[in-house]
Amino acid sequence: MALFIIMTLLSWLGKGLFSGAIVVAASEIAKKTTIYGAIVISIPFMSIMSIFWLYNDTKDTSQVADFAESILWLVLPSLLLFMILPYLLRRDWSFEAAMAIGVLATIVAYLIGVYLATNYSSAA
């Protein structure tokens, strides 16, 4: 039992370190060239890794399909932040205010997305 717990914790640690490494790499690359940093972070590494890990842990393709479909429903609301933030920053809003408005709008969009996903998707 103790070995199982240790292996589980090591698996979680490995997943966390790998996921964190992608975020750090993207932000460091973006310091030199924003487009390449954006490419690194826009590739759905986290979704792809989560899909692989879910399948590896469950071997349930139906659950993986539902998960992938749910991701689709919830990627759409996240795009709102990336439209609002640059728009407000280019109109001389402070970073904090622009980010707050972008995050709040995204939260509202997520609530709508979750509602739509749970009521109109086969994944819910």
N, C-alpha and C. Protein backbone atom coordinates (compact mmCIF):
# COMPACT_ATOMS: atom_id res chain seq x y z
N MET A 1 0.82 -1.20 0.00
CA MET A 1 0.00 0.00 0.00
C MET A 1 0.87 1.27 0.00
N ALA A 2 1.92 1.27 0.82
CA ALA A 2 2.80 2.43 0.89
C ALA A 2 3.49 2.67 -0.45
N LEU A 3 3.88 1.58 -1.12
CA LEU A 3 4.52 1.72 -2.43
C LEU A 3 3.56 2.34 -3.44
N PHE A 4 2.30 1.96 -3.39
CA PHE A 4 1.29 2.53 -4.29
C PHE A 4 1.16 4.03 -4.06
N ILE A 5 1.12 4.44 -2.81
CA ILE A 5 1.00 5.86 -2.47
C ILE A 5 2.22 6.62 -2.96
N ILE A 6 3.40 6.07 -2.75
CA ILE A 6 4.64 6.72 -3.21
C ILE A 6 4.64 6.84 -4.72
N MET A 7 4.25 5.78 -5.42
CA MET A 7 4.23 5.82 -6.90
C MET A 7 3.21 6.84 -7.40
N THR A 8 2.07 6.92 -6.72
CA THR A 8 1.05 7.90 -7.11
C THR A 8 1.58 9.31 -6.91
N LEU A 9 2.19 9.56 -5.77
CA LEU A 9 2.75 10.89 -5.51
C LEU A 9 3.86 11.24 -6.50
N LEU A 10 4.71 10.29 -6.83
CA LEU A 10 5.76 10.54 -7.82
C LEU A 10 5.17 10.83 -9.20
N SER A 11 4.10 10.12 -9.55
CA SER A 11 3.43 10.38 -10.82
C SER A 11 2.87 11.80 -10.84
N TRP A 12 2.23 12.20 -9.76
CA TRP A 12 1.68 13.57 -9.68
C TRP A 12 2.80 14.60 -9.75
N LEU A 13 3.87 14.34 -9.04
CA LEU A 13 5.01 15.26 -9.05
C LEU A 13 5.59 15.40 -10.46
N GLY A 14 5.75 14.27 -11.14
CA GLY A 14 6.26 14.30 -12.51
C GLY A 14 5.35 15.08 -13.44
N LYS A 15 4.05 14.84 -13.34
CA LYS A 15 3.09 15.57 -14.17
C LYS A 15 3.16 17.07 -13.89
N GLY A 16 3.24 17.42 -12.60
CA GLY A 16 3.30 18.83 -12.22
C GLY A 16 4.57 19.51 -12.71
N LEU A 17 5.70 18.82 -12.56
CA LEU A 17 6.97 19.40 -13.01
C LEU A 17 6.99 19.59 -14.52
N PHE A 18 6.49 18.60 -15.25
CA PHE A 18 6.46 18.70 -16.71
C PHE A 18 5.54 19.84 -17.15
N SER A 19 4.36 19.91 -16.52
CA SER A 19 3.41 20.97 -16.87
C SER A 19 3.99 22.35 -16.55
N GLY A 20 4.61 22.47 -15.38
CA GLY A 20 5.23 23.73 -14.99
C GLY A 20 6.37 24.11 -15.92
N ALA A 21 7.12 23.13 -16.38
CA ALA A 21 8.24 23.39 -17.29
C ALA A 21 7.75 24.02 -18.59
N ILE A 22 6.59 23.61 -19.06
CA ILE A 22 6.05 24.19 -20.29
C ILE A 22 5.70 25.66 -20.08
N VAL A 23 5.09 25.97 -18.95
CA VAL A 23 4.74 27.36 -18.65
C VAL A 23 6.00 28.22 -18.54
N VAL A 24 6.99 27.73 -17.82
CA VAL A 24 8.25 28.47 -17.66
C VAL A 24 8.92 28.65 -19.02
N ALA A 25 8.97 27.59 -19.82
CA ALA A 25 9.60 27.69 -21.14
C ALA A 25 8.90 28.73 -22.00
N ALA A 26 7.58 28.72 -22.01
CA ALA A 26 6.83 29.67 -22.82
C ALA A 26 7.11 31.10 -22.38
N SER A 27 7.11 31.34 -21.06
CA SER A 27 7.33 32.71 -20.60
C SER A 27 8.77 33.17 -20.86
N GLU A 28 9.72 32.28 -20.76
CA GLU A 28 11.11 32.65 -21.05
C GLU A 28 11.31 32.90 -22.54
N ILE A 29 10.71 32.08 -23.37
CA ILE A 29 10.79 32.28 -24.82
C ILE A 29 10.12 33.60 -25.20
N ALA A 30 8.98 33.89 -24.56
CA ALA A 30 8.24 35.13 -24.87
C ALA A 30 9.05 36.38 -24.54
N LYS A 31 9.97 36.29 -23.58
CA LYS A 31 10.83 37.44 -23.27
C LYS A 31 11.70 37.81 -24.46
N LYS A 32 12.06 36.83 -25.26
CA LYS A 32 12.93 37.06 -26.42
C LYS A 32 12.11 37.32 -27.68
N THR A 33 11.05 36.55 -27.87
CA THR A 33 10.19 36.73 -29.03
C THR A 33 8.78 36.29 -28.68
N THR A 34 7.86 37.23 -28.67
CA THR A 34 6.51 36.93 -28.20
C THR A 34 5.80 35.89 -29.07
N ILE A 35 6.04 35.91 -30.36
CA ILE A 35 5.32 34.97 -31.24
C ILE A 35 5.72 33.53 -30.94
N TYR A 36 6.99 33.26 -30.68
CA TYR A 36 7.40 31.88 -30.39
C TYR A 36 6.94 31.45 -29.00
N GLY A 37 6.94 32.36 -28.06
CA GLY A 37 6.37 32.06 -26.74
C GLY A 37 4.89 31.75 -26.86
N ALA A 38 4.20 32.52 -27.70
CA ALA A 38 2.77 32.28 -27.91
C ALA A 38 2.52 30.94 -28.58
N ILE A 39 3.38 30.57 -29.51
CA ILE A 39 3.22 29.26 -30.16
C ILE A 39 3.34 28.15 -29.12
N VAL A 40 4.36 28.23 -28.27
CA VAL A 40 4.56 27.19 -27.26
C VAL A 40 3.34 27.06 -26.36
N ILE A 41 2.80 28.18 -25.90
CA ILE A 41 1.69 28.12 -24.95
C ILE A 41 0.36 27.86 -25.63
N SER A 42 0.24 28.20 -26.92
CA SER A 42 -1.04 27.98 -27.60
C SER A 42 -1.24 26.53 -28.03
N ILE A 43 -0.15 25.80 -28.18
CA ILE A 43 -0.29 24.38 -28.48
C ILE A 43 -0.92 23.73 -27.25
N PRO A 44 -1.96 22.98 -27.42
CA PRO A 44 -2.68 22.47 -26.24
C PRO A 44 -1.94 21.34 -25.52
N PHE A 45 -0.70 21.63 -25.09
CA PHE A 45 0.08 20.61 -24.38
C PHE A 45 -0.67 20.05 -23.18
N MET A 46 -1.24 20.94 -22.39
CA MET A 46 -1.92 20.49 -21.17
C MET A 46 -3.09 19.58 -21.51
N SER A 47 -3.84 19.94 -22.52
CA SER A 47 -4.97 19.09 -22.92
C SER A 47 -4.48 17.76 -23.45
N ILE A 48 -3.46 17.80 -24.29
CA ILE A 48 -2.91 16.56 -24.85
C ILE A 48 -2.35 15.67 -23.75
N MET A 49 -1.59 16.25 -22.84
CA MET A 49 -1.03 15.45 -21.74
C MET A 49 -2.15 14.89 -20.87
N SER A 50 -3.16 15.71 -20.56
CA SER A 50 -4.27 15.24 -19.74
C SER A 50 -5.03 14.10 -20.42
N ILE A 51 -5.20 14.21 -21.72
CA ILE A 51 -5.88 13.15 -22.47
C ILE A 51 -5.07 11.86 -22.41
N PHE A 52 -3.76 11.98 -22.63
CA PHE A 52 -2.91 10.78 -22.53
C PHE A 52 -2.97 10.18 -21.14
N TRP A 53 -2.86 11.04 -20.10
CA TRP A 53 -2.85 10.53 -18.73
C TRP A 53 -4.20 9.91 -18.36
N LEU A 54 -5.30 10.54 -18.81
CA LEU A 54 -6.63 9.98 -18.53
C LEU A 54 -6.76 8.61 -19.18
N TYR A 55 -6.35 8.50 -20.44
CA TYR A 55 -6.43 7.20 -21.11
C TYR A 55 -5.52 6.17 -20.43
N ASN A 56 -4.31 6.59 -20.10
CA ASN A 56 -3.37 5.68 -19.44
C ASN A 56 -3.93 5.18 -18.10
N ASP A 57 -4.59 6.07 -17.37
CA ASP A 57 -5.12 5.70 -16.06
C ASP A 57 -6.40 4.89 -16.14
N THR A 58 -7.23 5.13 -17.18
CA THR A 58 -8.56 4.49 -17.22
C THR A 58 -8.74 3.49 -18.36
N LYS A 59 -8.02 3.67 -19.46
CA LYS A 59 -8.21 2.88 -20.68
C LYS A 59 -9.65 2.97 -21.20
N ASP A 60 -10.34 4.04 -20.84
CA ASP A 60 -11.74 4.23 -21.19
C ASP A 60 -11.84 5.28 -22.31
N THR A 61 -11.99 4.82 -23.55
CA THR A 61 -12.03 5.75 -24.68
C THR A 61 -13.29 6.62 -24.66
N SER A 62 -14.37 6.12 -24.10
CA SER A 62 -15.59 6.92 -23.99
C SER A 62 -15.36 8.11 -23.06
N GLN A 63 -14.69 7.87 -21.95
CA GLN A 63 -14.39 8.95 -21.02
C GLN A 63 -13.42 9.95 -21.65
N VAL A 64 -12.47 9.47 -22.41
CA VAL A 64 -11.52 10.35 -23.10
C VAL A 64 -12.27 11.21 -24.12
N ALA A 65 -13.19 10.60 -24.87
CA ALA A 65 -13.97 11.35 -25.86
C ALA A 65 -14.81 12.43 -25.17
N ASP A 66 -15.46 12.08 -24.06
CA ASP A 66 -16.25 13.06 -23.30
C ASP A 66 -15.37 14.20 -22.80
N PHE A 67 -14.18 13.85 -22.30
CA PHE A 67 -13.24 14.85 -21.79
C PHE A 67 -12.81 15.80 -22.92
N ALA A 68 -12.46 15.24 -24.07
CA ALA A 68 -12.03 16.07 -25.20
C ALA A 68 -13.16 17.00 -25.66
N GLU A 69 -14.38 16.49 -25.69
CA GLU A 69 -15.51 17.32 -26.08
C GLU A 69 -15.76 18.44 -25.06
N SER A 70 -15.61 18.11 -23.79
CA SER A 70 -15.77 19.13 -22.74
C SER A 70 -14.71 20.22 -22.87
N ILE A 71 -13.49 19.82 -23.21
CA ILE A 71 -12.43 20.80 -23.42
C ILE A 71 -12.82 21.75 -24.55
N LEU A 72 -13.36 21.21 -25.62
CA LEU A 72 -13.80 22.06 -26.74
C LEU A 72 -14.80 23.10 -26.28
N TRP A 73 -15.81 22.67 -25.51
CA TRP A 73 -16.82 23.60 -25.04
C TRP A 73 -16.20 24.70 -24.17
N LEU A 74 -15.13 24.37 -23.45
CA LEU A 74 -14.58 25.34 -22.49
C LEU A 74 -13.36 26.10 -23.01
N VAL A 75 -12.83 25.73 -24.16
CA VAL A 75 -11.77 26.52 -24.78
C VAL A 75 -12.38 27.81 -25.34
N LEU A 76 -13.56 27.69 -25.87
CA LEU A 76 -14.20 28.86 -26.48
C LEU A 76 -14.34 30.04 -25.51
N PRO A 77 -14.83 29.83 -24.27
CA PRO A 77 -14.91 30.98 -23.36
C PRO A 77 -13.54 31.56 -22.99
N SER A 78 -12.52 30.73 -22.96
CA SER A 78 -11.20 31.23 -22.58
C SER A 78 -10.65 32.21 -23.61
N LEU A 79 -11.12 32.13 -24.83
CA LEU A 79 -10.65 33.04 -25.88
C LEU A 79 -11.02 34.49 -25.59
N LEU A 80 -12.07 34.69 -24.81
CA LEU A 80 -12.52 36.04 -24.49
C LEU A 80 -11.42 36.84 -23.80
N LEU A 81 -10.68 36.21 -22.89
CA LEU A 81 -9.58 36.90 -22.20
C LEU A 81 -8.57 37.43 -23.21
N PHE A 82 -8.25 36.64 -24.21
CA PHE A 82 -7.23 37.01 -25.18
C PHE A 82 -7.72 38.04 -26.21
N MET A 83 -9.01 38.30 -26.21
CA MET A 83 -9.54 39.40 -27.02
C MET A 83 -9.63 40.68 -26.20
N ILE A 84 -10.10 40.56 -24.96
CA ILE A 84 -10.31 41.73 -24.11
C ILE A 84 -8.99 42.33 -23.63
N LEU A 85 -8.06 41.50 -23.15
CA LEU A 85 -6.83 42.01 -22.56
C LEU A 85 -6.03 42.90 -23.52
N PRO A 86 -5.68 42.45 -24.72
CA PRO A 86 -4.92 43.35 -25.59
C PRO A 86 -5.71 44.59 -26.01
N TYR A 87 -7.02 44.40 -26.19
CA TYR A 87 -7.86 45.55 -26.56
C TYR A 87 -7.77 46.65 -25.51
N LEU A 88 -7.95 46.28 -24.23
CA LEU A 88 -7.91 47.27 -23.16
C LEU A 88 -6.51 47.83 -22.93
N LEU A 89 -5.50 46.99 -23.00
CA LEU A 89 -4.12 47.47 -22.80
C LEU A 89 -3.72 48.48 -23.87
N ARG A 90 -4.18 48.27 -25.09
CA ARG A 90 -3.85 49.20 -26.18
C ARG A 90 -4.64 50.50 -26.09
N ARG A 91 -5.59 50.54 -25.18
CA ARG A 91 -6.36 51.76 -24.93
C ARG A 91 -5.97 52.38 -23.59
N ASP A 92 -4.74 52.09 -23.19
CA ASP A 92 -4.11 52.68 -22.00
C ASP A 92 -4.77 52.33 -20.67
N TRP A 93 -5.44 51.19 -20.61
CA TRP A 93 -5.92 50.71 -19.32
C TRP A 93 -4.71 50.18 -18.56
N SER A 94 -4.76 50.25 -17.24
CA SER A 94 -3.67 49.65 -16.46
C SER A 94 -3.74 48.13 -16.64
N PHE A 95 -2.59 47.50 -16.48
CA PHE A 95 -2.54 46.05 -16.61
C PHE A 95 -3.52 45.37 -15.65
N GLU A 96 -3.52 45.83 -14.39
CA GLU A 96 -4.37 45.20 -13.38
C GLU A 96 -5.85 45.31 -13.72
N ALA A 97 -6.27 46.50 -14.14
CA ALA A 97 -7.68 46.70 -14.49
C ALA A 97 -8.06 45.89 -15.73
N ALA A 98 -7.21 45.91 -16.73
CA ALA A 98 -7.49 45.15 -17.96
C ALA A 98 -7.57 43.66 -17.67
N MET A 99 -6.64 43.17 -16.86
CA MET A 99 -6.64 41.75 -16.51
C MET A 99 -7.89 41.40 -15.70
N ALA A 100 -8.26 42.26 -14.76
CA ALA A 100 -9.44 42.01 -13.94
C ALA A 100 -10.70 41.93 -14.81
N ILE A 101 -10.86 42.87 -15.72
CA ILE A 101 -12.03 42.85 -16.62
C ILE A 101 -11.99 41.60 -17.50
N GLY A 102 -10.83 41.28 -18.03
CA GLY A 102 -10.69 40.09 -18.87
C GLY A 102 -11.02 38.82 -18.11
N VAL A 103 -10.52 38.71 -16.89
CA VAL A 103 -10.79 37.51 -16.07
C VAL A 103 -12.27 37.43 -15.70
N LEU A 104 -12.85 38.55 -15.31
CA LEU A 104 -14.28 38.54 -14.96
C LEU A 104 -15.15 38.15 -16.16
N ALA A 105 -14.84 38.71 -17.31
CA ALA A 105 -15.60 38.36 -18.52
C ALA A 105 -15.42 36.88 -18.86
N THR A 106 -14.21 36.39 -18.65
CA THR A 106 -13.94 34.97 -18.92
C THR A 106 -14.70 34.08 -17.95
N ILE A 107 -14.78 34.47 -16.68
CA ILE A 107 -15.55 33.69 -15.70
C ILE A 107 -17.01 33.61 -16.11
N VAL A 108 -17.58 34.74 -16.52
CA VAL A 108 -18.97 34.74 -16.98
C VAL A 108 -19.12 33.84 -18.21
N ALA A 109 -18.18 33.94 -19.13
CA ALA A 109 -18.23 33.10 -20.33
C ALA A 109 -18.09 31.62 -19.97
N TYR A 110 -17.25 31.31 -18.98
CA TYR A 110 -17.12 29.92 -18.53
C TYR A 110 -18.43 29.42 -17.94
N LEU A 111 -19.08 30.24 -17.14
CA LEU A 111 -20.37 29.83 -16.56
C LEU A 111 -21.37 29.50 -17.67
N ILE A 112 -21.38 30.33 -18.69
CA ILE A 112 -22.25 30.07 -19.84
C ILE A 112 -21.81 28.79 -20.55
N GLY A 113 -20.49 28.64 -20.74
CA GLY A 113 -19.96 27.44 -21.39
C GLY A 113 -20.28 26.17 -20.63
N VAL A 114 -20.16 26.20 -19.31
CA VAL A 114 -20.49 25.02 -18.49
C VAL A 114 -21.97 24.72 -18.61
N TYR A 115 -22.80 25.75 -18.59
CA TYR A 115 -24.23 25.55 -18.76
C TYR A 115 -24.53 24.88 -20.10
N LEU A 116 -23.94 25.41 -21.16
CA LEU A 116 -24.17 24.83 -22.49
C LEU A 116 -23.64 23.39 -22.56
N ALA A 117 -22.44 23.16 -22.01
CA ALA A 117 -21.85 21.83 -22.05
C ALA A 117 -22.69 20.82 -21.29
N THR A 118 -23.23 21.23 -20.14
CA THR A 118 -24.01 20.28 -19.34
C THR A 118 -25.41 20.07 -19.90
N ASN A 119 -25.92 21.01 -20.65
CA ASN A 119 -27.27 20.88 -21.16
C ASN A 119 -27.38 20.46 -22.62
N TYR A 120 -26.30 20.67 -23.39
CA TYR A 120 -26.40 20.40 -24.82
C TYR A 120 -25.30 19.50 -25.36
N SER A 121 -24.45 18.99 -24.50
CA SER A 121 -23.33 18.14 -24.93
C SER A 121 -23.55 16.73 -24.48
N SER A 122 -23.09 15.77 -25.26
CA SER A 122 -23.16 14.37 -24.84
C SER A 122 -22.10 14.06 -23.81
N ALA A 123 -21.13 14.97 -23.60
CA ALA A 123 -20.02 14.72 -22.68
C ALA A 123 -20.41 14.91 -21.21
N ALA A 124 -21.46 15.65 -20.94
CA ALA A 124 -21.78 15.97 -19.54
C ALA A 124 -22.42 14.86 -18.78
